[in-house]
Amino acid sequence: MPKGLIAPLTQAALASLRALAEGTAPSMPDEHRARLLHLALIETGAEGDAITALGRERLISDR
């Protein structure tokens, strides 16, 4: 199982991931971004941060 699905996340980092998925997060704390990138739950592109398929799975599993 990928570590992004089972790795511990703080409630604040999970809230940042959820806000990004809902399009309500204009910015997130650097420590959240670093952790979410490391776990491959988000990716950074030319248009900014975007949630990955793994990130969407994580949100579903954490409901």
PDB file of N, CA and C in Angstrom:
ATOM      1  N   MET A   1       0.851  -1.184   0.000  1.00  0.00           N
ATOM      2  CA  MET A   1       0.000   0.000   0.000  1.00  0.00           C
ATOM      3  C   MET A   1       0.894   1.244   0.000  1.00  0.00           C
ATOM      4  N   PRO A   2       0.607   2.218  -0.814  1.00  0.00           N
ATOM      5  CA  PRO A   2       1.432   3.436  -0.875  1.00  0.00           C
ATOM      6  C   PRO A   2       1.457   4.169   0.452  1.00  0.00           C
ATOM      7  N   LYS A   3       2.614   4.731   0.775  1.00  0.00           N
ATOM      8  CA  LYS A   3       2.751   5.412   2.064  1.00  0.00           C
ATOM      9  C   LYS A   3       1.861   6.645   2.171  1.00  0.00           C
ATOM     10  N   GLY A   4       1.501   7.255   1.052  1.00  0.00           N
ATOM     11  CA  GLY A   4       0.637   8.423   1.088  1.00  0.00           C
ATOM     12  C   GLY A   4      -0.751   8.129   1.625  1.00  0.00           C
ATOM     13  N   LEU A   5      -1.147   6.854   1.568  1.00  0.00           N
ATOM     14  CA  LEU A   5      -2.456   6.488   2.084  1.00  0.00           C
ATOM     15  C   LEU A   5      -2.411   6.158   3.569  1.00  0.00           C
ATOM     16  N   ILE A   6      -1.254   5.721   4.070  1.00  0.00           N
ATOM     17  CA  ILE A   6      -1.184   5.276   5.455  1.00  0.00           C
ATOM     18  C   ILE A   6      -0.318   6.156   6.339  1.00  0.00           C
ATOM     19  N   ALA A   7       0.443   7.059   5.761  1.00  0.00           N
ATOM     20  CA  ALA A   7       1.327   7.923   6.552  1.00  0.00           C
ATOM     21  C   ALA A   7       0.497   8.865   7.422  1.00  0.00           C
ATOM     22  N   PRO A   8       0.965   9.117   8.641  1.00  0.00           N
ATOM     23  CA  PRO A   8       0.210  10.032   9.500  1.00  0.00           C
ATOM     24  C   PRO A   8       0.238  11.465   8.978  1.00  0.00           C
ATOM     25  N   LEU A   9      -0.899  12.128   9.100  1.00  0.00           N
ATOM     26  CA  LEU A   9      -1.035  13.544   8.753  1.00  0.00           C
ATOM     27  C   LEU A   9      -1.702  14.240   9.931  1.00  0.00           C
ATOM     28  N   THR A  10      -1.271  15.447  10.215  1.00  0.00           N
ATOM     29  CA  THR A  10      -1.964  16.223  11.230  1.00  0.00           C
ATOM     30  C   THR A  10      -3.328  16.623  10.685  1.00  0.00           C
ATOM     31  N   GLN A  11      -4.230  16.961  11.582  1.00  0.00           N
ATOM     32  CA  GLN A  11      -5.547  17.419  11.153  1.00  0.00           C
ATOM     33  C   GLN A  11      -5.427  18.699  10.327  1.00  0.00           C
ATOM     34  N   ALA A  12      -4.451  19.544  10.675  1.00  0.00           N
ATOM     35  CA  ALA A  12      -4.251  20.790   9.936  1.00  0.00           C
ATOM     36  C   ALA A  12      -3.778  20.511   8.507  1.00  0.00           C
ATOM     37  N   ALA A  13      -2.848  19.560   8.332  1.00  0.00           N
ATOM     38  CA  ALA A  13      -2.367  19.218   6.994  1.00  0.00           C
ATOM     39  C   ALA A  13      -3.484  18.574   6.176  1.00  0.00           C
ATOM     40  N   LEU A  14      -4.280  17.741   6.826  1.00  0.00           N
ATOM     41  CA  LEU A  14      -5.410  17.128   6.143  1.00  0.00           C
ATOM     42  C   LEU A  14      -6.428  18.191   5.727  1.00  0.00           C
ATOM     43  N   ALA A  15      -6.632  19.186   6.575  1.00  0.00           N
ATOM     44  CA  ALA A  15      -7.536  20.292   6.231  1.00  0.00           C
ATOM     45  C   ALA A  15      -6.995  21.083   5.038  1.00  0.00           C
ATOM     46  N   SER A  16      -5.676  21.262   4.967  1.00  0.00           N
ATOM     47  CA  SER A  16      -5.072  21.956   3.826  1.00  0.00           C
ATOM     48  C   SER A  16      -5.282  21.159   2.544  1.00  0.00           C
ATOM     49  N   LEU A  17      -5.125  19.839   2.633  1.00  0.00           N
ATOM     50  CA  LEU A  17      -5.344  18.974   1.476  1.00  0.00           C
ATOM     51  C   LEU A  17      -6.802  19.058   1.025  1.00  0.00           C
ATOM     52  N   ARG A  18      -7.714  19.016   1.982  1.00  0.00           N
ATOM     53  CA  ARG A  18      -9.143  19.091   1.664  1.00  0.00           C
ATOM     54  C   ARG A  18      -9.487  20.443   1.028  1.00  0.00           C
ATOM     55  N   ALA A  19      -8.930  21.528   1.566  1.00  0.00           N
ATOM     56  CA  ALA A  19      -9.192  22.859   1.021  1.00  0.00           C
ATOM     57  C   ALA A  19      -8.658  22.979  -0.402  1.00  0.00           C
ATOM     58  N   LEU A  20      -7.495  22.405  -0.661  1.00  0.00           N
ATOM     59  CA  LEU A  20      -6.941  22.424  -2.018  1.00  0.00           C
ATOM     60  C   LEU A  20      -7.861  21.656  -2.969  1.00  0.00           C
ATOM     61  N   ALA A  21      -8.359  20.511  -2.527  1.00  0.00           N
ATOM     62  CA  ALA A  21      -9.242  19.701  -3.367  1.00  0.00           C
ATOM     63  C   ALA A  21     -10.552  20.428  -3.665  1.00  0.00           C
ATOM     64  N   GLU A  22     -11.021  21.214  -2.696  1.00  0.00           N
ATOM     65  CA  GLU A  22     -12.280  21.939  -2.872  1.00  0.00           C
ATOM     66  C   GLU A  22     -12.091  23.284  -3.560  1.00  0.00           C
ATOM     67  N   GLY A  23     -10.838  23.670  -3.779  1.00  0.00           N
ATOM     68  CA  GLY A  23     -10.558  24.938  -4.439  1.00  0.00           C
ATOM     69  C   GLY A  23     -10.707  26.141  -3.533  1.00  0.00           C
ATOM     70  N   THR A  24     -10.637  25.917  -2.226  1.00  0.00           N
ATOM     71  CA  THR A  24     -10.817  27.010  -1.274  1.00  0.00           C
ATOM     72  C   THR A  24      -9.527  27.392  -0.565  1.00  0.00           C
ATOM     73  N   ALA A  25      -8.388  26.918  -1.068  1.00  0.00           N
ATOM     74  CA  ALA A  25      -7.104  27.180  -0.406  1.00  0.00           C
ATOM     75  C   ALA A  25      -6.201  28.037  -1.285  1.00  0.00           C
ATOM     76  N   PRO A  26      -6.247  29.366  -1.121  1.00  0.00           N
ATOM     77  CA  PRO A  26      -5.372  30.216  -1.926  1.00  0.00           C
ATOM     78  C   PRO A  26      -3.892  29.983  -1.598  1.00  0.00           C
ATOM     79  N   SER A  27      -3.602  29.589  -0.367  1.00  0.00           N
ATOM     80  CA  SER A  27      -2.231  29.248   0.022  1.00  0.00           C
ATOM     81  C   SER A  27      -2.297  28.296   1.192  1.00  0.00           C
ATOM     82  N   MET A  28      -1.203  27.583   1.428  1.00  0.00           N
ATOM     83  CA  MET A  28      -1.133  26.692   2.571  1.00  0.00           C
ATOM     84  C   MET A  28       0.228  26.852   3.223  1.00  0.00           C
ATOM     85  N   PRO A  29       0.337  26.532   4.499  1.00  0.00           N
ATOM     86  CA  PRO A  29       1.632  26.650   5.184  1.00  0.00           C
ATOM     87  C   PRO A  29       2.706  25.804   4.501  1.00  0.00           C
ATOM     88  N   ASP A  30       3.914  26.313   4.489  1.00  0.00           N
ATOM     89  CA  ASP A  30       5.024  25.615   3.827  1.00  0.00           C
ATOM     90  C   ASP A  30       5.237  24.209   4.370  1.00  0.00           C
ATOM     91  N   GLU A  31       5.066  24.017   5.689  1.00  0.00           N
ATOM     92  CA  GLU A  31       5.287  22.685   6.252  1.00  0.00           C
ATOM     93  C   GLU A  31       4.222  21.694   5.779  1.00  0.00           C
ATOM     94  N   HIS A  32       3.002  22.157   5.557  1.00  0.00           N
ATOM     95  CA  HIS A  32       1.962  21.277   5.012  1.00  0.00           C
ATOM     96  C   HIS A  32       2.305  20.922   3.569  1.00  0.00           C
ATOM     97  N   ARG A  33       2.686  21.918   2.788  1.00  0.00           N
ATOM     98  CA  ARG A  33       3.025  21.685   1.382  1.00  0.00           C
ATOM     99  C   ARG A  33       4.174  20.683   1.262  1.00  0.00           C
ATOM    100  N   ALA A  34       5.210  20.855   2.080  1.00  0.00           N
ATOM    101  CA  ALA A  34       6.368  19.955   2.019  1.00  0.00           C
ATOM    102  C   ALA A  34       5.951  18.520   2.342  1.00  0.00           C
ATOM    103  N   ARG A  35       5.136  18.330   3.374  1.00  0.00           N
ATOM    104  CA  ARG A  35       4.702  16.983   3.772  1.00  0.00           C
ATOM    105  C   ARG A  35       3.806  16.366   2.698  1.00  0.00           C
ATOM    106  N   LEU A  36       2.881  17.137   2.165  1.00  0.00           N
ATOM    107  CA  LEU A  36       1.969  16.616   1.149  1.00  0.00           C
ATOM    108  C   LEU A  36       2.696  16.295  -0.149  1.00  0.00           C
ATOM    109  N   LEU A  37       3.680  17.102  -0.507  1.00  0.00           N
ATOM    110  CA  LEU A  37       4.505  16.801  -1.686  1.00  0.00           C
ATOM    111  C   LEU A  37       5.304  15.528  -1.469  1.00  0.00           C
ATOM    112  N   HIS A  38       5.913  15.398  -0.293  1.00  0.00           N
ATOM    113  CA  HIS A  38       6.720  14.215   0.031  1.00  0.00           C
ATOM    114  C   HIS A  38       5.893  12.931  -0.065  1.00  0.00           C
ATOM    115  N   LEU A  39       4.642  13.011   0.350  1.00  0.00           N
ATOM    116  CA  LEU A  39       3.767  11.837   0.321  1.00  0.00           C
ATOM    117  C   LEU A  39       3.069  11.648  -1.022  1.00  0.00           C
ATOM    118  N   ALA A  40       3.358  12.526  -1.982  1.00  0.00           N
ATOM    119  CA  ALA A  40       2.772  12.479  -3.336  1.00  0.00           C
ATOM    120  C   ALA A  40       1.255  12.662  -3.303  1.00  0.00           C
ATOM    121  N   LEU A  41       0.773  13.427  -2.321  1.00  0.00           N
ATOM    122  CA  LEU A  41      -0.655  13.727  -2.248  1.00  0.00           C
ATOM    123  C   LEU A  41      -0.999  14.973  -3.049  1.00  0.00           C
ATOM    124  N   ILE A  42       0.012  15.803  -3.303  1.00  0.00           N
ATOM    125  CA  ILE A  42      -0.144  16.965  -4.176  1.00  0.00           C
ATOM    126  C   ILE A  42       1.063  17.017  -5.104  1.00  0.00           C
ATOM    127  N   GLU A  43       0.933  17.813  -6.147  1.00  0.00           N
ATOM    128  CA  GLU A  43       2.043  18.075  -7.058  1.00  0.00           C
ATOM    129  C   GLU A  43       2.032  19.556  -7.391  1.00  0.00           C
ATOM    130  N   THR A  44       3.186  20.068  -7.721  1.00  0.00           N
ATOM    131  CA  THR A  44       3.302  21.473  -8.081  1.00  0.00           C
ATOM    132  C   THR A  44       3.583  21.566  -9.572  1.00  0.00           C
ATOM    133  N   GLY A  45       2.813  22.418 -10.228  1.00  0.00           N
ATOM    134  CA  GLY A  45       2.982  22.622 -11.656  1.00  0.00           C
ATOM    135  C   GLY A  45       3.052  24.100 -11.963  1.00  0.00           C
ATOM    136  N   ALA A  46       2.985  24.430 -13.233  1.00  0.00           N
ATOM    137  CA  ALA A  46       3.063  25.818 -13.672  1.00  0.00           C
ATOM    138  C   ALA A  46       1.917  26.662 -13.115  1.00  0.00           C
ATOM    139  N   GLU A  47       0.784  26.034 -12.864  1.00  0.00           N
ATOM    140  CA  GLU A  47      -0.382  26.758 -12.365  1.00  0.00           C
ATOM    141  C   GLU A  47      -0.510  26.692 -10.848  1.00  0.00           C
ATOM    142  N   GLY A  48       0.469  26.110 -10.176  1.00  0.00           N
ATOM    143  CA  GLY A  48       0.428  26.009  -8.718  1.00  0.00           C
ATOM    144  C   GLY A  48       0.223  24.579  -8.258  1.00  0.00           C
ATOM    145  N   ASP A  49      -0.211  24.441  -7.016  1.00  0.00           N
ATOM    146  CA  ASP A  49      -0.410  23.120  -6.428  1.00  0.00           C
ATOM    147  C   ASP A  49      -1.691  22.488  -6.944  1.00  0.00           C
ATOM    148  N   ALA A  50      -1.650  21.163  -7.087  1.00  0.00           N
ATOM    149  CA  ALA A  50      -2.830  20.400  -7.503  1.00  0.00           C
ATOM    150  C   ALA A  50      -2.832  19.085  -6.741  1.00  0.00           C
ATOM    151  N   ILE A  51      -3.998  18.628  -6.412  1.00  0.00           N
ATOM    152  CA  ILE A  51      -4.133  17.356  -5.714  1.00  0.00           C
ATOM    153  C   ILE A  51      -3.927  16.216  -6.706  1.00  0.00           C
ATOM    154  N   THR A  52      -3.291  15.152  -6.271  1.00  0.00           N
ATOM    155  CA  THR A  52      -3.050  13.993  -7.128  1.00  0.00           C
ATOM    156  C   THR A  52      -4.159  12.967  -6.927  1.00  0.00           C
ATOM    157  N   ALA A  53      -4.164  11.945  -7.760  1.00  0.00           N
ATOM    158  CA  ALA A  53      -5.132  10.859  -7.598  1.00  0.00           C
ATOM    159  C   ALA A  53      -4.955  10.211  -6.225  1.00  0.00           C
ATOM    160  N   LEU A  54      -3.722  10.063  -5.792  1.00  0.00           N
ATOM    161  CA  LEU A  54      -3.446   9.501  -4.472  1.00  0.00           C
ATOM    162  C   LEU A  54      -3.995  10.415  -3.377  1.00  0.00           C
ATOM    163  N   GLY A  55      -3.882  11.714  -3.570  1.00  0.00           N
ATOM    164  CA  GLY A  55      -4.445  12.664  -2.612  1.00  0.00           C
ATOM    165  C   GLY A  55      -5.954  12.550  -2.520  1.00  0.00           C
ATOM    166  N   ARG A  56      -6.616  12.349  -3.650  1.00  0.00           N
ATOM    167  CA  ARG A  56      -8.066  12.179  -3.642  1.00  0.00           C
ATOM    168  C   ARG A  56      -8.452  10.882  -2.910  1.00  0.00           C
ATOM    169  N   GLU A  57      -7.659   9.827  -3.135  1.00  0.00           N
ATOM    170  CA  GLU A  57      -7.902   8.580  -2.416  1.00  0.00           C
ATOM    171  C   GLU A  57      -7.739   8.775  -0.915  1.00  0.00           C
ATOM    172  N   ARG A  58      -6.735   9.546  -0.519  1.00  0.00           N
ATOM    173  CA  ARG A  58      -6.482   9.803   0.903  1.00  0.00           C
ATOM    174  C   ARG A  58      -7.666  10.536   1.526  1.00  0.00           C
ATOM    175  N   LEU A  59      -8.212  11.503   0.821  1.00  0.00           N
ATOM    176  CA  LEU A  59      -9.363  12.238   1.353  1.00  0.00           C
ATOM    177  C   LEU A  59     -10.567  11.310   1.543  1.00  0.00           C
ATOM    178  N   ILE A  60     -10.770  10.406   0.614  1.00  0.00           N
ATOM    179  CA  ILE A  60     -11.872   9.452   0.728  1.00  0.00           C
ATOM    180  C   ILE A  60     -11.649   8.524   1.919  1.00  0.00           C
ATOM    181  N   SER A  61     -10.415   8.045   2.084  1.00  0.00           N
ATOM    182  CA  SER A  61     -10.131   7.096   3.165  1.00  0.00           C
ATOM    183  C   SER A  61     -10.149   7.761   4.540  1.00  0.00           C
ATOM    184  N   ASP A  62      -9.977   9.081   4.607  1.00  0.00           N
ATOM    185  CA  ASP A  62      -9.948   9.780   5.891  1.00  0.00           C
ATOM    186  C   ASP A  62     -11.295  10.378   6.279  1.00  0.00           C
ATOM    187  N   ARG A  63     -12.343  10.042   5.579  1.00  0.00           N
ATOM    188  CA  ARG A  63     -13.676  10.566   5.946  1.00  0.00           C
ATOM    189  C   ARG A  63     -14.257   9.792   7.083  1.00  0.00           C
TER     190      ARG A  63
END
